[in-house]
Amino acid sequence: SSISTSKKDIKAFLVDLKSSWDYFESLVAENSAPLHISGHYENNLQMTIDLLSQNDLVGGISFSQYQKLLSEVAPTNEYVSNVPELSTYIQEKSTLQEIYDEQLNNLLG
């Protein structure tokens, strides 16, 4: 079986195809939803950066100071929620270290 078409039909098809092609090329892509969402992501990122930049974010110290302390101190005791500010810990760090060096921490309970 074969399909018979005339040159006129093929030419009309190609003209219509070109017209459709030109129409689609002329369209301006409207990506308002993704741009709108990306604006929210940008705002959330800025909010996170602002939050992490606070000097007293974690217990009275900055996040970077907290990360440094966390790497120095391995938590070996159970969690206590009513602890003093971390800035107090920094001030008293040498005294606390002396207590642990002298193994007096078990006496303090």
C-alpha atoms as a PDB file:
ATOM      1  CA  SER A   1       0.000   0.000   0.000  1.00  0.00           C
ATOM      2  CA  SER A   2       1.182   3.490  -0.732  1.00  0.00           C
ATOM      3  CA  ILE A   3       0.061   6.954   0.132  1.00  0.00           C
ATOM      4  CA  SER A   4      -0.465   9.251  -2.759  1.00  0.00           C
ATOM      5  CA  THR A   5      -0.215  12.974  -2.168  1.00  0.00           C
ATOM      6  CA  SER A   6      -0.012  15.827  -4.533  1.00  0.00           C
ATOM      7  CA  LYS A   7       2.727  18.402  -4.603  1.00  0.00           C
ATOM      8  CA  LYS A   8       0.072  20.978  -3.710  1.00  0.00           C
ATOM      9  CA  ASP A   9      -0.808  19.112  -0.487  1.00  0.00           C
ATOM     10  CA  ILE A  10       2.863  18.792   0.455  1.00  0.00           C
ATOM     11  CA  LYS A  11       3.476  22.474  -0.243  1.00  0.00           C
ATOM     12  CA  ALA A  12       0.429  23.480   1.829  1.00  0.00           C
ATOM     13  CA  PHE A  13       1.623  21.224   4.646  1.00  0.00           C
ATOM     14  CA  LEU A  14       5.110  22.755   4.592  1.00  0.00           C
ATOM     15  CA  VAL A  15       3.678  26.292   4.561  1.00  0.00           C
ATOM     16  CA  ASP A  16       1.497  25.418   7.579  1.00  0.00           C
ATOM     17  CA  LEU A  17       4.461  23.771   9.276  1.00  0.00           C
ATOM     18  CA  LYS A  18       6.620  26.861   8.728  1.00  0.00           C
ATOM     19  CA  SER A  19       3.847  29.080  10.036  1.00  0.00           C
ATOM     20  CA  SER A  20       3.527  26.933  13.161  1.00  0.00           C
ATOM     21  CA  TRP A  21       7.304  26.841  13.602  1.00  0.00           C
ATOM     22  CA  ASP A  22       7.540  30.638  13.351  1.00  0.00           C
ATOM     23  CA  TYR A  23       4.705  31.007  15.868  1.00  0.00           C
ATOM     24  CA  PHE A  24       6.428  28.770  18.450  1.00  0.00           C
ATOM     25  CA  GLU A  25       9.783  30.483  17.963  1.00  0.00           C
ATOM     26  CA  SER A  26       8.164  33.858  18.557  1.00  0.00           C
ATOM     27  CA  LEU A  27       6.677  32.826  21.907  1.00  0.00           C
ATOM     28  CA  VAL A  28       8.370  34.243  24.957  1.00  0.00           C
ATOM     29  CA  ALA A  29       8.734  31.612  27.635  1.00  0.00           C
ATOM     30  CA  GLU A  30       6.854  32.573  30.762  1.00  0.00           C
ATOM     31  CA  ASN A  31       8.623  31.048  33.706  1.00  0.00           C
ATOM     32  CA  SER A  32       6.981  33.209  36.339  1.00  0.00           C
ATOM     33  CA  ALA A  33       6.310  30.289  38.679  1.00  0.00           C
ATOM     34  CA  PRO A  34       9.926  29.050  38.832  1.00  0.00           C
ATOM     35  CA  LEU A  35      11.238  32.625  39.151  1.00  0.00           C
ATOM     36  CA  HIS A  36       8.739  33.253  41.910  1.00  0.00           C
ATOM     37  CA  ILE A  37       9.856  30.103  43.710  1.00  0.00           C
ATOM     38  CA  SER A  38      13.528  30.907  43.217  1.00  0.00           C
ATOM     39  CA  GLY A  39      12.869  34.286  44.852  1.00  0.00           C
ATOM     40  CA  HIS A  40      11.568  32.437  47.901  1.00  0.00           C
ATOM     41  CA  TYR A  41      14.652  30.216  47.926  1.00  0.00           C
ATOM     42  CA  GLU A  42      16.854  33.296  47.720  1.00  0.00           C
ATOM     43  CA  ASN A  43      14.968  34.977  50.574  1.00  0.00           C
ATOM     44  CA  ASN A  44      15.187  31.818  52.704  1.00  0.00           C
ATOM     45  CA  LEU A  45      18.911  31.537  52.004  1.00  0.00           C
ATOM     46  CA  GLN A  46      19.444  35.171  53.017  1.00  0.00           C
ATOM     47  CA  MET A  47      17.397  34.614  56.185  1.00  0.00           C
ATOM     48  CA  THR A  48      19.560  31.582  57.049  1.00  0.00           C
ATOM     49  CA  ILE A  49      22.762  33.545  56.409  1.00  0.00           C
ATOM     50  CA  ASP A  50      21.493  36.408  58.582  1.00  0.00           C
ATOM     51  CA  LEU A  51      20.540  33.965  61.329  1.00  0.00           C
ATOM     52  CA  LEU A  52      23.913  32.206  61.282  1.00  0.00           C
ATOM     53  CA  SER A  53      25.685  35.581  61.348  1.00  0.00           C
ATOM     54  CA  GLN A  54      24.229  36.545  64.734  1.00  0.00           C
ATOM     55  CA  ASN A  55      26.920  36.898  67.411  1.00  0.00           C
ATOM     56  CA  ASP A  56      24.745  35.326  70.121  1.00  0.00           C
ATOM     57  CA  LEU A  57      22.893  32.676  68.137  1.00  0.00           C
ATOM     58  CA  VAL A  58      23.743  29.614  70.235  1.00  0.00           C
ATOM     59  CA  GLY A  59      23.783  30.139  73.980  1.00  0.00           C
ATOM     60  CA  GLY A  60      25.263  33.624  73.749  1.00  0.00           C
ATOM     61  CA  ILE A  61      27.995  32.811  71.206  1.00  0.00           C
ATOM     62  CA  SER A  62      28.189  32.777  67.419  1.00  0.00           C
ATOM     63  CA  PHE A  63      27.515  29.687  65.347  1.00  0.00           C
ATOM     64  CA  SER A  64      31.179  29.440  64.286  1.00  0.00           C
ATOM     65  CA  GLN A  65      32.296  29.602  67.937  1.00  0.00           C
ATOM     66  CA  TYR A  66      29.730  26.922  68.766  1.00  0.00           C
ATOM     67  CA  GLN A  67      31.036  24.672  65.966  1.00  0.00           C
ATOM     68  CA  LYS A  68      34.583  25.115  67.294  1.00  0.00           C
ATOM     69  CA  LEU A  69      33.524  24.280  70.854  1.00  0.00           C
ATOM     70  CA  LEU A  70      31.533  21.308  69.668  1.00  0.00           C
ATOM     71  CA  SER A  71      34.597  19.905  67.949  1.00  0.00           C
ATOM     72  CA  GLU A  72      36.614  20.339  71.168  1.00  0.00           C
ATOM     73  CA  VAL A  73      34.062  18.879  73.572  1.00  0.00           C
ATOM     74  CA  ALA A  74      32.725  15.371  73.147  1.00  0.00           C
ATOM     75  CA  PRO A  75      29.384  15.072  74.956  1.00  0.00           C
ATOM     76  CA  THR A  76      29.713  12.199  77.413  1.00  0.00           C
ATOM     77  CA  ASN A  77      26.931  13.040  79.849  1.00  0.00           C
ATOM     78  CA  GLU A  78      23.202  13.059  79.389  1.00  0.00           C
ATOM     79  CA  TYR A  79      21.437  16.101  77.964  1.00  0.00           C
ATOM     80  CA  VAL A  80      20.462  18.879  80.392  1.00  0.00           C
ATOM     81  CA  SER A  81      18.280  21.688  79.117  1.00  0.00           C
ATOM     82  CA  ASN A  82      18.835  24.292  81.842  1.00  0.00           C
ATOM     83  CA  VAL A  83      22.527  24.938  81.294  1.00  0.00           C
ATOM     84  CA  PRO A  84      24.271  28.315  81.510  1.00  0.00           C
ATOM     85  CA  GLU A  85      25.118  30.373  78.445  1.00  0.00           C
ATOM     86  CA  LEU A  86      28.003  29.100  76.339  1.00  0.00           C
ATOM     87  CA  SER A  87      29.720  32.428  76.867  1.00  0.00           C
ATOM     88  CA  THR A  88      29.867  31.488  80.586  1.00  0.00           C
ATOM     89  CA  TYR A  89      31.420  28.162  79.603  1.00  0.00           C
ATOM     90  CA  ILE A  90      34.096  29.989  77.631  1.00  0.00           C
ATOM     91  CA  GLN A  91      34.895  32.204  80.636  1.00  0.00           C
ATOM     92  CA  GLU A  92      35.043  29.223  83.000  1.00  0.00           C
ATOM     93  CA  LYS A  93      36.661  26.742  80.601  1.00  0.00           C
ATOM     94  CA  SER A  94      40.036  26.701  82.363  1.00  0.00           C
ATOM     95  CA  THR A  95      38.393  26.108  85.772  1.00  0.00           C
ATOM     96  CA  LEU A  96      36.290  23.295  84.354  1.00  0.00           C
ATOM     97  CA  GLN A  97      39.342  21.760  82.704  1.00  0.00           C
ATOM     98  CA  GLU A  98      41.163  21.832  86.038  1.00  0.00           C
ATOM     99  CA  ILE A  99      38.208  20.070  87.718  1.00  0.00           C
ATOM    100  CA  TYR A 100      38.343  17.301  85.100  1.00  0.00           C
ATOM    101  CA  ASP A 101      42.146  17.104  85.182  1.00  0.00           C
ATOM    102  CA  GLU A 102      42.043  16.607  88.944  1.00  0.00           C
ATOM    103  CA  GLN A 103      39.160  14.126  88.504  1.00  0.00           C
ATOM    104  CA  LEU A 104      36.942  16.126  90.829  1.00  0.00           C
ATOM    105  CA  ASN A 105      33.994  16.044  88.428  1.00  0.00           C
ATOM    106  CA  ASN A 106      32.564  12.873  90.045  1.00  0.00           C
ATOM    107  CA  LEU A 107      32.404  14.673  93.392  1.00  0.00           C
ATOM    108  CA  LEU A 108      30.320  17.509  91.935  1.00  0.00           C
ATOM    109  CA  GLY A 109      27.568  15.177  90.809  1.00  0.00           C
END
